[in-house]
Amino acid sequence: MPRPWTEAEEATLRKRYLVATVEEIAAELGRTAGAVYDRIRVLKVATSSPLKTVGAAAERLGFTYAEFDSVIARARVTCSVIGPKQRRIITRTEADRAAKEWLATENVTQAARARDISSKMLRRWLLEAGVLRAAEAQPRVKTATIDQVIAERRAQEGRAA
């Protein structure tokens, strides 16, 4: 029968979970890796921590790692790098903020298609409104800004007619 976990061992597990490998924690505690994985599940350490690896945060939010890397870069989130494996860590709050900002934007081509207008026309309107820079290849723009620019252009066209 396995020996019971002490409060001190559980505290060590919670503290070391994101900064060390399971194997390192197991060696430190004199436990098997399987025992450490089981205790992680029992304690729900992986879901209760306010810190997540970038990969875990991406998975939780429905992004691939590469997509989420772009999302957090756009939101100018700085990740900590910790542990022997140099894992990138992000807080749940920062991950959620980055995802929320990303989801409040649209690719110009997709925005134009969704609104049944030419992407060239929408890009021109956004350039003229000072929202885009000419050098941006695949820009993402806030949905509210796109809608505002389109409404203003259509109002101008209505007055001109």
Foldseek 3Di string as FASTA:
>chain_A
DDDDDDPVLVVLLLVCVVFEDLCVSCVVVVHHSVVSVVVCVVVVSQPPDQKDFLCVLCVVVVHHSVVLVVLLVVVVDQFQQHHPVRTTMDGNVSSVVSVVVQVQWDWLCVLCVVVVHHSVVLVVLCVVVVNDDPPDDTDIGGPVVSVVSVVVVVVVVVVVD
